[in-house]
Amino acid sequence: MTREHPTNPSLEDMGEDFWNERYRSEKRIWSANPNRHLVAEAADLAPGRALDVGGGEGADAIWLAERGWRVTAVDISAVALEKGGAHARERGEDVAGRITWTRADVTAWTPPEGEFDLVTSQFMHLGPGERARLFPALASAVAPGGELLVVAHHPRDLEEGVPRPPIPEMFYTGDEVVAALPEGEWTVLVDEARPGTATMDGETHTVHDLVVRARRHA
């Protein structure tokens, strides 16, 4: 369900129509499993209000809702959100009732300030200008004492021959995320290129994912 790029279009092509068609093309694009870094970083957090940005087919939102979070799941694709709602209802009305599905283009949308105990963005690969707007907006949406979690494919994957889209500008490091956090208001808990493995086109690759987790001071 992550917002990765399965083919090699340009960043300009990856708008609402692109993602609606992508989600229509198969019954399920991503696995039904939550992203592993979300599980690793958020499993021990006390449930509250969560914002899942680029939520796709809803696996992360559902995982959070099952643990008692009230989740706002945002995506540019109405098709993805419809699928997410259906998957949530399969888990029961108790889970589905904790999730609000919101269609929005995050390159132009601004989340409400200070409302969420967890803001998570998993594999949201945008252009540099769009990221420069989005990261401060996500940080401002975190409530005092809450946390921001940003996960993405690390640029070293390109350097090490992992078959990623050949668009260097859509990859970034933790410095870019941390720079969006107002000085003196945050504690950075994690900023690393976390290794793992992924199978692509029948080959297993060592990959590195950027994981940035920060807590806003209460």
N, C-alpha and C. Protein backbone atom coordinates (compact mmCIF):
# COMPACT_ATOMS: atom_id res chain seq x y z
N MET A 1 0.81 -1.20 0.00
CA MET A 1 0.00 0.00 0.00
C MET A 1 0.85 1.25 0.00
N THR A 2 2.12 1.10 -0.07
CA THR A 2 2.98 2.27 0.02
C THR A 2 2.96 3.04 -1.28
N ARG A 3 3.34 4.31 -1.19
CA ARG A 3 3.37 5.16 -2.36
C ARG A 3 4.74 5.07 -3.02
N GLU A 4 5.06 3.88 -3.53
CA GLU A 4 6.26 3.68 -4.32
C GLU A 4 5.88 3.85 -5.78
N HIS A 5 6.87 3.76 -6.67
CA HIS A 5 6.59 3.97 -8.07
C HIS A 5 6.92 2.70 -8.85
N PRO A 6 5.90 2.02 -9.38
CA PRO A 6 6.11 0.73 -9.99
C PRO A 6 6.70 0.78 -11.38
N THR A 7 6.57 1.90 -12.05
CA THR A 7 7.14 2.04 -13.38
C THR A 7 8.03 3.26 -13.39
N ASN A 8 8.35 3.79 -14.56
CA ASN A 8 9.26 4.92 -14.62
C ASN A 8 8.65 6.15 -15.29
N PRO A 9 7.47 6.59 -14.86
CA PRO A 9 6.97 7.85 -15.38
C PRO A 9 7.74 9.00 -14.75
N SER A 10 7.55 10.20 -15.28
CA SER A 10 8.15 11.37 -14.65
C SER A 10 7.33 11.75 -13.43
N LEU A 11 7.93 12.55 -12.56
CA LEU A 11 7.20 13.00 -11.38
C LEU A 11 5.96 13.78 -11.77
N GLU A 12 6.04 14.53 -12.88
CA GLU A 12 4.90 15.33 -13.31
C GLU A 12 3.72 14.47 -13.73
N ASP A 13 3.99 13.22 -14.13
CA ASP A 13 2.92 12.33 -14.56
C ASP A 13 2.18 11.68 -13.41
N MET A 14 2.74 11.75 -12.21
CA MET A 14 2.22 10.96 -11.09
C MET A 14 1.17 11.73 -10.31
N GLY A 15 0.11 12.11 -11.00
CA GLY A 15 -0.97 12.82 -10.36
C GLY A 15 -2.16 11.91 -10.09
N GLU A 16 -3.32 12.53 -9.90
CA GLU A 16 -4.52 11.78 -9.52
C GLU A 16 -4.88 10.72 -10.56
N ASP A 17 -4.85 11.08 -11.84
CA ASP A 17 -5.22 10.11 -12.88
C ASP A 17 -4.28 8.91 -12.89
N PHE A 18 -2.99 9.18 -12.74
CA PHE A 18 -2.00 8.09 -12.72
C PHE A 18 -2.32 7.10 -11.62
N TRP A 19 -2.56 7.61 -10.41
CA TRP A 19 -2.75 6.71 -9.28
C TRP A 19 -4.12 6.03 -9.31
N ASN A 20 -5.14 6.73 -9.80
CA ASN A 20 -6.44 6.05 -9.94
C ASN A 20 -6.34 4.88 -10.91
N GLU A 21 -5.67 5.10 -12.03
CA GLU A 21 -5.52 4.01 -13.00
C GLU A 21 -4.67 2.89 -12.43
N ARG A 22 -3.63 3.24 -11.71
CA ARG A 22 -2.78 2.23 -11.09
C ARG A 22 -3.57 1.36 -10.12
N TYR A 23 -4.39 1.99 -9.29
CA TYR A 23 -5.16 1.22 -8.32
C TYR A 23 -6.29 0.43 -8.96
N ARG A 24 -6.78 0.88 -10.10
CA ARG A 24 -7.80 0.11 -10.82
C ARG A 24 -7.21 -1.12 -11.51
N SER A 25 -5.92 -1.11 -11.76
CA SER A 25 -5.32 -2.11 -12.62
C SER A 25 -5.25 -3.49 -11.98
N GLU A 26 -5.29 -3.57 -10.65
CA GLU A 26 -5.22 -4.84 -9.95
C GLU A 26 -6.13 -4.80 -8.74
N LYS A 27 -6.54 -5.98 -8.29
CA LYS A 27 -7.41 -6.06 -7.12
C LYS A 27 -6.74 -5.45 -5.91
N ARG A 28 -5.46 -5.74 -5.72
CA ARG A 28 -4.69 -5.16 -4.62
C ARG A 28 -3.28 -4.89 -5.12
N ILE A 29 -2.86 -3.63 -5.03
CA ILE A 29 -1.52 -3.25 -5.52
C ILE A 29 -0.44 -3.64 -4.51
N TRP A 30 -0.68 -3.28 -3.25
CA TRP A 30 0.29 -3.56 -2.21
C TRP A 30 -0.22 -4.70 -1.33
N SER A 31 0.63 -5.24 -0.50
CA SER A 31 0.20 -6.31 0.40
C SER A 31 -0.79 -5.75 1.42
N ALA A 32 -1.47 -6.64 2.09
CA ALA A 32 -2.40 -6.21 3.15
C ALA A 32 -1.68 -5.95 4.46
N ASN A 33 -0.36 -6.06 4.45
CA ASN A 33 0.42 -5.90 5.68
C ASN A 33 0.82 -4.44 5.89
N PRO A 34 0.86 -3.98 7.12
CA PRO A 34 1.36 -2.63 7.38
C PRO A 34 2.85 -2.54 7.09
N ASN A 35 3.31 -1.34 6.81
CA ASN A 35 4.73 -1.15 6.57
C ASN A 35 5.54 -1.52 7.81
N ARG A 36 6.63 -2.23 7.58
CA ARG A 36 7.39 -2.79 8.70
C ARG A 36 7.98 -1.71 9.60
N HIS A 37 8.32 -0.57 9.04
CA HIS A 37 8.90 0.48 9.88
C HIS A 37 7.84 1.14 10.75
N LEU A 38 6.62 1.23 10.26
CA LEU A 38 5.54 1.73 11.10
C LEU A 38 5.34 0.79 12.28
N VAL A 39 5.33 -0.50 12.03
CA VAL A 39 5.15 -1.48 13.10
C VAL A 39 6.29 -1.36 14.11
N ALA A 40 7.52 -1.27 13.61
CA ALA A 40 8.68 -1.21 14.51
C ALA A 40 8.67 0.03 15.38
N GLU A 41 8.26 1.16 14.81
CA GLU A 41 8.37 2.43 15.53
C GLU A 41 7.12 2.79 16.33
N ALA A 42 5.96 2.28 15.92
CA ALA A 42 4.71 2.74 16.55
C ALA A 42 4.02 1.69 17.40
N ALA A 43 4.52 0.47 17.41
CA ALA A 43 3.82 -0.60 18.13
C ALA A 43 3.66 -0.31 19.61
N ASP A 44 4.61 0.41 20.20
CA ASP A 44 4.56 0.65 21.64
C ASP A 44 3.97 2.01 22.01
N LEU A 45 3.52 2.77 21.01
CA LEU A 45 2.93 4.07 21.31
C LEU A 45 1.50 3.91 21.84
N ALA A 46 1.14 4.76 22.78
CA ALA A 46 -0.24 4.75 23.26
C ALA A 46 -1.15 5.29 22.16
N PRO A 47 -2.28 4.63 21.89
CA PRO A 47 -3.15 5.08 20.81
C PRO A 47 -3.75 6.45 21.08
N GLY A 48 -3.88 7.19 20.01
CA GLY A 48 -4.48 8.52 20.07
C GLY A 48 -5.03 8.85 18.70
N ARG A 49 -4.69 10.02 18.20
CA ARG A 49 -5.13 10.45 16.88
C ARG A 49 -3.96 10.35 15.91
N ALA A 50 -4.17 9.70 14.77
CA ALA A 50 -3.09 9.51 13.80
C ALA A 50 -3.49 10.06 12.44
N LEU A 51 -2.50 10.59 11.73
CA LEU A 51 -2.66 11.04 10.35
C LEU A 51 -1.75 10.18 9.49
N ASP A 52 -2.35 9.45 8.54
CA ASP A 52 -1.61 8.58 7.63
C ASP A 52 -1.63 9.23 6.26
N VAL A 53 -0.49 9.74 5.83
CA VAL A 53 -0.40 10.53 4.61
C VAL A 53 0.09 9.66 3.46
N GLY A 54 -0.68 9.62 2.38
CA GLY A 54 -0.39 8.70 1.29
C GLY A 54 -0.77 7.29 1.67
N GLY A 55 -1.96 7.14 2.25
CA GLY A 55 -2.37 5.89 2.88
C GLY A 55 -2.73 4.77 1.92
N GLY A 56 -2.88 5.06 0.63
CA GLY A 56 -3.13 4.00 -0.35
C GLY A 56 -4.34 3.15 0.00
N GLU A 57 -4.15 1.84 -0.05
CA GLU A 57 -5.24 0.89 0.18
C GLU A 57 -5.52 0.63 1.66
N GLY A 58 -4.83 1.34 2.53
CA GLY A 58 -5.25 1.39 3.91
C GLY A 58 -4.63 0.43 4.90
N ALA A 59 -3.62 -0.33 4.53
CA ALA A 59 -3.09 -1.32 5.46
C ALA A 59 -2.54 -0.67 6.73
N ASP A 60 -1.85 0.46 6.60
CA ASP A 60 -1.31 1.13 7.78
C ASP A 60 -2.43 1.69 8.65
N ALA A 61 -3.41 2.33 8.02
CA ALA A 61 -4.52 2.90 8.77
C ALA A 61 -5.29 1.82 9.51
N ILE A 62 -5.50 0.70 8.86
CA ILE A 62 -6.22 -0.41 9.50
C ILE A 62 -5.43 -0.96 10.67
N TRP A 63 -4.12 -1.13 10.50
CA TRP A 63 -3.27 -1.63 11.59
C TRP A 63 -3.36 -0.70 12.80
N LEU A 64 -3.30 0.59 12.55
CA LEU A 64 -3.40 1.55 13.64
C LEU A 64 -4.78 1.49 14.31
N ALA A 65 -5.82 1.44 13.48
CA ALA A 65 -7.18 1.41 14.03
C ALA A 65 -7.42 0.17 14.87
N GLU A 66 -6.84 -0.94 14.45
CA GLU A 66 -6.99 -2.17 15.23
C GLU A 66 -6.35 -2.06 16.61
N ARG A 67 -5.44 -1.12 16.75
CA ARG A 67 -4.76 -0.91 18.03
C ARG A 67 -5.36 0.27 18.79
N GLY A 68 -6.49 0.73 18.36
CA GLY A 68 -7.20 1.75 19.11
C GLY A 68 -7.02 3.17 18.65
N TRP A 69 -6.20 3.40 17.60
CA TRP A 69 -6.01 4.75 17.09
C TRP A 69 -7.25 5.20 16.32
N ARG A 70 -7.51 6.50 16.36
CA ARG A 70 -8.47 7.12 15.46
C ARG A 70 -7.66 7.75 14.33
N VAL A 71 -7.89 7.31 13.12
CA VAL A 71 -6.98 7.57 12.00
C VAL A 71 -7.67 8.41 10.92
N THR A 72 -6.96 9.42 10.45
CA THR A 72 -7.33 10.12 9.22
C THR A 72 -6.36 9.65 8.14
N ALA A 73 -6.89 8.94 7.15
CA ALA A 73 -6.06 8.40 6.06
C ALA A 73 -6.27 9.26 4.82
N VAL A 74 -5.18 9.81 4.32
CA VAL A 74 -5.24 10.77 3.20
C VAL A 74 -4.54 10.19 1.99
N ASP A 75 -5.17 10.31 0.83
CA ASP A 75 -4.54 9.87 -0.41
C ASP A 75 -5.11 10.67 -1.56
N ILE A 76 -4.34 10.79 -2.64
CA ILE A 76 -4.80 11.50 -3.83
C ILE A 76 -5.80 10.67 -4.63
N SER A 77 -5.79 9.36 -4.45
CA SER A 77 -6.60 8.45 -5.27
C SER A 77 -7.90 8.07 -4.58
N ALA A 78 -9.01 8.46 -5.17
CA ALA A 78 -10.31 8.04 -4.64
C ALA A 78 -10.48 6.53 -4.76
N VAL A 79 -9.90 5.93 -5.78
CA VAL A 79 -9.98 4.48 -5.95
C VAL A 79 -9.29 3.77 -4.79
N ALA A 80 -8.11 4.25 -4.42
CA ALA A 80 -7.39 3.65 -3.30
C ALA A 80 -8.18 3.78 -2.01
N LEU A 81 -8.79 4.93 -1.80
CA LEU A 81 -9.54 5.15 -0.57
C LEU A 81 -10.78 4.26 -0.51
N GLU A 82 -11.43 4.06 -1.65
CA GLU A 82 -12.58 3.15 -1.69
C GLU A 82 -12.14 1.73 -1.31
N LYS A 83 -11.01 1.32 -1.83
CA LYS A 83 -10.49 0.00 -1.47
C LYS A 83 -10.15 -0.06 0.02
N GLY A 84 -9.53 0.99 0.51
CA GLY A 84 -9.18 1.02 1.92
C GLY A 84 -10.41 0.90 2.81
N GLY A 85 -11.47 1.63 2.46
CA GLY A 85 -12.69 1.54 3.24
C GLY A 85 -13.27 0.14 3.23
N ALA A 86 -13.24 -0.51 2.05
CA ALA A 86 -13.75 -1.88 1.96
C ALA A 86 -12.93 -2.84 2.80
N HIS A 87 -11.59 -2.69 2.74
CA HIS A 87 -10.73 -3.57 3.54
C HIS A 87 -10.98 -3.36 5.03
N ALA A 88 -11.20 -2.10 5.43
CA ALA A 88 -11.44 -1.83 6.84
C ALA A 88 -12.75 -2.46 7.30
N ARG A 89 -13.78 -2.40 6.47
CA ARG A 89 -15.07 -2.99 6.85
C ARG A 89 -14.97 -4.51 6.98
N GLU A 90 -14.05 -5.11 6.21
CA GLU A 90 -13.83 -6.55 6.34
C GLU A 90 -13.29 -6.90 7.72
N ARG A 91 -12.60 -5.95 8.35
CA ARG A 91 -12.05 -6.18 9.70
C ARG A 91 -13.08 -5.92 10.80
N GLY A 92 -14.24 -5.38 10.41
CA GLY A 92 -15.29 -5.12 11.39
C GLY A 92 -15.59 -3.65 11.51
N GLU A 93 -16.83 -3.35 11.89
CA GLU A 93 -17.26 -1.96 11.99
C GLU A 93 -16.51 -1.21 13.09
N ASP A 94 -16.05 -1.93 14.10
CA ASP A 94 -15.29 -1.27 15.17
C ASP A 94 -14.01 -0.66 14.61
N VAL A 95 -13.34 -1.40 13.72
CA VAL A 95 -12.13 -0.89 13.08
C VAL A 95 -12.49 0.18 12.05
N ALA A 96 -13.43 -0.11 11.19
CA ALA A 96 -13.80 0.83 10.13
C ALA A 96 -14.26 2.16 10.71
N GLY A 97 -14.94 2.12 11.85
CA GLY A 97 -15.45 3.34 12.44
C GLY A 97 -14.39 4.25 13.02
N ARG A 98 -13.15 3.75 13.14
CA ARG A 98 -12.07 4.58 13.67
C ARG A 98 -11.28 5.28 12.56
N ILE A 99 -11.63 5.05 11.30
CA ILE A 99 -10.86 5.60 10.19
C ILE A 99 -11.72 6.57 9.39
N THR A 100 -11.17 7.74 9.13
CA THR A 100 -11.76 8.72 8.23
C THR A 100 -10.92 8.76 6.96
N TRP A 101 -11.55 8.52 5.82
CA TRP A 101 -10.85 8.48 4.53
C TRP A 101 -11.00 9.83 3.85
N THR A 102 -9.87 10.46 3.52
CA THR A 102 -9.88 11.82 2.99
C THR A 102 -9.11 11.88 1.68
N ARG A 103 -9.80 12.28 0.61
CA ARG A 103 -9.09 12.45 -0.66
C ARG A 103 -8.51 13.85 -0.73
N ALA A 104 -7.20 13.92 -0.94
CA ALA A 104 -6.53 15.21 -1.04
C ALA A 104 -5.21 15.03 -1.78
N ASP A 105 -4.85 16.05 -2.51
CA ASP A 105 -3.53 16.13 -3.14
C ASP A 105 -2.60 16.78 -2.14
N VAL A 106 -1.70 16.01 -1.56
CA VAL A 106 -0.88 16.53 -0.47
C VAL A 106 0.08 17.61 -0.92
N THR A 107 0.27 17.76 -2.24
CA THR A 107 1.13 18.85 -2.71
C THR A 107 0.45 20.20 -2.57
N ALA A 108 -0.87 20.20 -2.34
CA ALA A 108 -1.61 21.45 -2.19
C ALA A 108 -2.41 21.51 -0.89
N TRP A 109 -2.55 20.37 -0.22
CA TRP A 109 -3.38 20.26 0.98
C TRP A 109 -2.58 20.58 2.22
N THR A 110 -3.22 21.21 3.19
CA THR A 110 -2.57 21.52 4.46
C THR A 110 -3.33 20.85 5.59
N PRO A 111 -2.71 19.97 6.36
CA PRO A 111 -3.41 19.31 7.47
C PRO A 111 -3.66 20.30 8.60
N PRO A 112 -4.64 20.01 9.44
CA PRO A 112 -4.89 20.90 10.60
C PRO A 112 -3.70 20.89 11.55
N GLU A 113 -3.42 22.02 12.14
CA GLU A 113 -2.25 22.15 13.00
C GLU A 113 -2.49 21.55 14.39
N GLY A 114 -1.48 20.83 14.87
CA GLY A 114 -1.44 20.39 16.25
C GLY A 114 -2.51 19.41 16.66
N GLU A 115 -3.05 18.62 15.73
CA GLU A 115 -4.20 17.76 16.04
C GLU A 115 -3.86 16.28 16.21
N PHE A 116 -2.65 15.86 15.84
CA PHE A 116 -2.41 14.42 15.77
C PHE A 116 -1.26 14.00 16.68
N ASP A 117 -1.48 12.87 17.35
CA ASP A 117 -0.44 12.31 18.21
C ASP A 117 0.60 11.53 17.42
N LEU A 118 0.26 11.14 16.20
CA LEU A 118 1.20 10.49 15.30
C LEU A 118 0.88 10.93 13.88
N VAL A 119 1.89 11.42 13.18
CA VAL A 119 1.78 11.71 11.75
C VAL A 119 2.77 10.81 11.05
N THR A 120 2.28 9.98 10.15
CA THR A 120 3.14 9.02 9.46
C THR A 120 3.03 9.19 7.95
N SER A 121 4.17 9.21 7.29
CA SER A 121 4.26 9.27 5.83
C SER A 121 5.20 8.16 5.39
N GLN A 122 4.65 7.15 4.72
CA GLN A 122 5.42 5.98 4.34
C GLN A 122 5.63 5.95 2.82
N PHE A 123 6.88 6.10 2.41
CA PHE A 123 7.27 6.00 1.00
C PHE A 123 6.52 7.00 0.13
N MET A 124 6.44 8.23 0.60
CA MET A 124 5.86 9.32 -0.16
C MET A 124 6.98 10.03 -0.91
N HIS A 125 7.14 9.70 -2.19
CA HIS A 125 8.24 10.24 -2.98
C HIS A 125 7.72 11.33 -3.90
N LEU A 126 8.05 12.57 -3.54
CA LEU A 126 7.63 13.75 -4.28
C LEU A 126 8.87 14.52 -4.74
N GLY A 127 8.64 15.55 -5.52
CA GLY A 127 9.74 16.39 -5.95
C GLY A 127 10.25 17.27 -4.82
N PRO A 128 11.44 17.85 -4.97
CA PRO A 128 12.03 18.65 -3.88
C PRO A 128 11.16 19.82 -3.44
N GLY A 129 10.58 20.54 -4.40
CA GLY A 129 9.73 21.67 -4.02
C GLY A 129 8.50 21.24 -3.25
N GLU A 130 7.92 20.12 -3.66
CA GLU A 130 6.73 19.62 -2.95
C GLU A 130 7.08 19.14 -1.55
N ARG A 131 8.26 18.51 -1.42
CA ARG A 131 8.69 18.07 -0.09
C ARG A 131 8.95 19.27 0.82
N ALA A 132 9.51 20.33 0.26
CA ALA A 132 9.83 21.51 1.07
C ALA A 132 8.57 22.13 1.65
N ARG A 133 7.45 21.96 0.99
CA ARG A 133 6.17 22.43 1.52
C ARG A 133 5.56 21.40 2.46
N LEU A 134 5.65 20.11 2.10
CA LEU A 134 4.94 19.07 2.84
C LEU A 134 5.54 18.81 4.21
N PHE A 135 6.85 18.69 4.31
CA PHE A 135 7.44 18.30 5.59
C PHE A 135 7.13 19.28 6.72
N PRO A 136 7.25 20.60 6.51
CA PRO A 136 6.85 21.51 7.58
C PRO A 136 5.37 21.41 7.92
N ALA A 137 4.53 21.14 6.91
CA ALA A 137 3.10 21.00 7.17
C ALA A 137 2.81 19.77 8.01
N LEU A 138 3.51 18.68 7.73
CA LEU A 138 3.32 17.48 8.53
C LEU A 138 3.80 17.71 9.97
N ALA A 139 4.92 18.38 10.11
CA ALA A 139 5.43 18.66 11.45
C ALA A 139 4.44 19.52 12.23
N SER A 140 3.85 20.51 11.58
CA SER A 140 2.92 21.39 12.28
C SER A 140 1.64 20.69 12.68
N ALA A 141 1.33 19.56 12.03
CA ALA A 141 0.12 18.81 12.36
C ALA A 141 0.27 17.97 13.61
N VAL A 142 1.51 17.80 14.08
CA VAL A 142 1.76 16.97 15.26
C VAL A 142 1.41 17.75 16.53
N ALA A 143 0.66 17.12 17.41
CA ALA A 143 0.32 17.74 18.68
C ALA A 143 1.53 17.75 19.61
N PRO A 144 1.58 18.66 20.57
CA PRO A 144 2.66 18.63 21.57
C PRO A 144 2.73 17.25 22.23
N GLY A 145 3.94 16.70 22.28
CA GLY A 145 4.15 15.36 22.82
C GLY A 145 3.95 14.26 21.81
N GLY A 146 3.49 14.61 20.60
CA GLY A 146 3.26 13.61 19.56
C GLY A 146 4.50 13.35 18.72
N GLU A 147 4.36 12.46 17.75
CA GLU A 147 5.53 12.04 16.97
C GLU A 147 5.26 12.12 15.47
N LEU A 148 6.34 12.36 14.73
CA LEU A 148 6.36 12.35 13.27
C LEU A 148 7.22 11.18 12.82
N LEU A 149 6.71 10.40 11.87
CA LEU A 149 7.47 9.28 11.32
C LEU A 149 7.45 9.38 9.80
N VAL A 150 8.63 9.55 9.21
CA VAL A 150 8.77 9.63 7.76
C VAL A 150 9.68 8.49 7.30
N VAL A 151 9.19 7.72 6.34
CA VAL A 151 9.93 6.58 5.79
C VAL A 151 9.97 6.72 4.28
N ALA A 152 11.13 6.42 3.69
CA ALA A 152 11.27 6.52 2.23
C ALA A 152 12.42 5.63 1.78
N HIS A 153 12.48 5.36 0.50
CA HIS A 153 13.65 4.67 -0.05
C HIS A 153 14.84 5.62 0.02
N HIS A 154 15.94 5.15 0.56
CA HIS A 154 17.13 5.99 0.71
C HIS A 154 17.83 6.13 -0.64
N PRO A 155 18.44 7.32 -0.90
CA PRO A 155 19.13 7.51 -2.18
C PRO A 155 20.30 6.56 -2.42
N ARG A 156 20.83 5.95 -1.38
CA ARG A 156 21.95 5.03 -1.61
C ARG A 156 21.51 3.81 -2.43
N ASP A 157 20.19 3.52 -2.47
CA ASP A 157 19.71 2.43 -3.31
C ASP A 157 20.09 2.65 -4.77
N LEU A 158 19.99 3.90 -5.23
CA LEU A 158 20.38 4.20 -6.61
C LEU A 158 21.87 3.97 -6.82
N GLU A 159 22.67 4.37 -5.83
CA GLU A 159 24.11 4.23 -5.93
C GLU A 159 24.54 2.77 -5.93
N GLU A 160 23.74 1.91 -5.30
CA GLU A 160 24.13 0.50 -5.15
C GLU A 160 23.41 -0.42 -6.12
N GLY A 161 22.76 0.14 -7.13
CA GLY A 161 22.21 -0.68 -8.20
C GLY A 161 20.87 -1.31 -7.92
N VAL A 162 20.17 -0.87 -6.88
CA VAL A 162 18.81 -1.36 -6.65
C VAL A 162 17.92 -0.80 -7.75
N PRO A 163 17.06 -1.63 -8.36
CA PRO A 163 16.24 -1.14 -9.47
C PRO A 163 15.11 -0.22 -9.02
N ARG A 164 15.47 1.02 -8.73
CA ARG A 164 14.52 2.07 -8.40
C ARG A 164 14.29 2.95 -9.63
N PRO A 165 13.21 3.70 -9.67
CA PRO A 165 13.03 4.64 -10.79
C PRO A 165 14.21 5.58 -10.91
N PRO A 166 14.73 5.79 -12.11
CA PRO A 166 15.93 6.62 -12.28
C PRO A 166 15.59 8.11 -12.23
N ILE A 167 15.06 8.52 -11.10
CA ILE A 167 14.67 9.92 -10.90
C ILE A 167 15.31 10.36 -9.58
N PRO A 168 16.58 10.74 -9.60
CA PRO A 168 17.31 11.02 -8.35
C PRO A 168 16.62 12.06 -7.47
N GLU A 169 15.93 13.02 -8.08
CA GLU A 169 15.36 14.10 -7.28
C GLU A 169 14.20 13.65 -6.39
N MET A 170 13.70 12.45 -6.59
CA MET A 170 12.59 12.01 -5.73
C MET A 170 13.07 11.28 -4.48
N PHE A 171 14.39 11.12 -4.35
CA PHE A 171 14.96 10.48 -3.17
C PHE A 171 15.58 11.55 -2.27
N TYR A 172 15.63 11.28 -0.98
CA TYR A 172 16.13 12.29 -0.04
C TYR A 172 16.67 11.62 1.21
N THR A 173 17.41 12.39 2.00
CA THR A 173 17.99 11.89 3.24
C THR A 173 17.27 12.49 4.44
N GLY A 174 17.66 12.01 5.62
CA GLY A 174 17.04 12.51 6.83
C GLY A 174 17.30 13.97 7.10
N ASP A 175 18.41 14.50 6.57
CA ASP A 175 18.71 15.91 6.79
C ASP A 175 17.58 16.80 6.30
N GLU A 176 16.95 16.40 5.21
CA GLU A 176 15.89 17.22 4.63
C GLU A 176 14.65 17.22 5.53
N VAL A 177 14.36 16.09 6.12
CA VAL A 177 13.21 16.01 7.03
C VAL A 177 13.50 16.78 8.31
N VAL A 178 14.68 16.55 8.89
CA VAL A 178 15.03 17.20 10.15
C VAL A 178 15.07 18.71 10.00
N ALA A 179 15.50 19.19 8.84
CA ALA A 179 15.57 20.63 8.61
C ALA A 179 14.21 21.29 8.65
N ALA A 180 13.15 20.50 8.43
CA ALA A 180 11.79 21.05 8.45
C ALA A 180 11.23 21.18 9.86
N LEU A 181 11.95 20.69 10.87
CA LEU A 181 11.47 20.72 12.25
C LEU A 181 12.00 21.98 12.94
N PRO A 182 11.12 22.81 13.47
CA PRO A 182 11.58 24.03 14.13
C PRO A 182 12.58 23.73 15.24
N GLU A 183 13.69 24.43 15.21
CA GLU A 183 14.76 24.20 16.17
C GLU A 183 14.28 24.44 17.59
N GLY A 184 14.66 23.53 18.48
CA GLY A 184 14.31 23.67 19.88
C GLY A 184 12.95 23.12 20.25
N GLU A 185 12.18 22.67 19.26
CA GLU A 185 10.82 22.18 19.52
C GLU A 185 10.71 20.67 19.37
N TRP A 186 11.78 20.02 18.91
CA TRP A 186 11.70 18.60 18.58
C TRP A 186 12.93 17.86 19.11
N THR A 187 12.73 16.57 19.38
CA THR A 187 13.82 15.64 19.64
C THR A 187 13.80 14.58 18.56
N VAL A 188 14.91 14.43 17.85
CA VAL A 188 15.01 13.40 16.81
C VAL A 188 15.38 12.09 17.48
N LEU A 189 14.52 11.10 17.37
CA LEU A 189 14.72 9.80 18.00
C LEU A 189 15.44 8.82 17.08
N VAL A 190 15.14 8.89 15.79
CA VAL A 190 15.74 7.99 14.80
C VAL A 190 15.99 8.78 13.53
N ASP A 191 17.17 8.61 12.96
CA ASP A 191 17.51 9.16 11.63
C ASP A 191 18.55 8.23 11.04
N GLU A 192 18.10 7.28 10.23
CA GLU A 192 19.03 6.27 9.74
C GLU A 192 18.60 5.73 8.39
N ALA A 193 19.56 5.11 7.71
CA ALA A 193 19.30 4.33 6.50
C ALA A 193 19.23 2.87 6.95
N ARG A 194 18.03 2.37 7.13
CA ARG A 194 17.84 1.05 7.73
C ARG A 194 17.89 -0.04 6.66
N PRO A 195 18.76 -1.04 6.81
CA PRO A 195 18.89 -2.08 5.79
C PRO A 195 17.77 -3.10 5.85
N GLY A 196 17.55 -3.73 4.70
CA GLY A 196 16.59 -4.81 4.59
C GLY A 196 16.79 -5.51 3.26
N THR A 197 15.91 -6.42 2.93
CA THR A 197 15.98 -7.10 1.65
C THR A 197 14.64 -6.96 0.93
N ALA A 198 14.71 -6.98 -0.39
CA ALA A 198 13.50 -6.90 -1.21
C ALA A 198 13.73 -7.72 -2.47
N THR A 199 12.71 -8.43 -2.90
CA THR A 199 12.79 -9.21 -4.13
C THR A 199 12.12 -8.43 -5.26
N MET A 200 12.87 -8.18 -6.32
CA MET A 200 12.38 -7.43 -7.47
C MET A 200 12.76 -8.18 -8.74
N ASP A 201 11.77 -8.45 -9.56
CA ASP A 201 12.01 -9.17 -10.81
C ASP A 201 12.75 -10.49 -10.57
N GLY A 202 12.39 -11.14 -9.46
CA GLY A 202 12.96 -12.45 -9.16
C GLY A 202 14.33 -12.41 -8.51
N GLU A 203 14.88 -11.23 -8.28
CA GLU A 203 16.19 -11.11 -7.64
C GLU A 203 16.05 -10.46 -6.27
N THR A 204 16.83 -10.94 -5.31
CA THR A 204 16.82 -10.37 -3.97
C THR A 204 17.91 -9.32 -3.85
N HIS A 205 17.52 -8.15 -3.38
CA HIS A 205 18.46 -7.02 -3.25
C HIS A 205 18.53 -6.58 -1.80
N THR A 206 19.71 -6.12 -1.40
CA THR A 206 19.83 -5.40 -0.15
C THR A 206 19.40 -3.96 -0.39
N VAL A 207 18.44 -3.50 0.38
CA VAL A 207 17.93 -2.14 0.21
C VAL A 207 18.12 -1.37 1.51
N HIS A 208 18.00 -0.05 1.42
CA HIS A 208 18.08 0.80 2.60
C HIS A 208 16.91 1.77 2.57
N ASP A 209 16.19 1.80 3.68
CA ASP A 209 15.08 2.73 3.82
C ASP A 209 15.44 3.83 4.80
N LEU A 210 15.16 5.05 4.40
CA LEU A 210 15.29 6.17 5.31
C LEU A 210 14.18 6.09 6.37
N VAL A 211 14.55 6.16 7.63
CA VAL A 211 13.57 6.19 8.72
C VAL A 211 13.91 7.38 9.61
N VAL A 212 12.99 8.33 9.68
CA VAL A 212 13.14 9.48 10.57
C VAL A 212 11.94 9.50 11.52
N ARG A 213 12.23 9.48 12.79
CA ARG A 213 11.20 9.56 13.83
C ARG A 213 11.59 10.66 14.79
N ALA A 214 10.65 11.56 15.03
CA ALA A 214 10.94 12.69 15.92
C ALA A 214 9.74 12.96 16.80
N ARG A 215 10.02 13.45 18.02
CA ARG A 215 8.95 13.76 18.98
C ARG A 215 8.91 15.26 19.22
N ARG A 216 7.71 15.81 19.14
CA ARG A 216 7.52 17.24 19.44
C ARG A 216 7.47 17.43 20.95
N HIS A 217 8.15 18.44 21.44
CA HIS A 217 8.18 18.67 22.86
C HIS A 217 6.78 19.01 23.38
N ALA A 218 6.46 18.48 24.53
CA ALA A 218 5.14 18.72 25.13
C ALA A 218 5.04 20.16 25.61
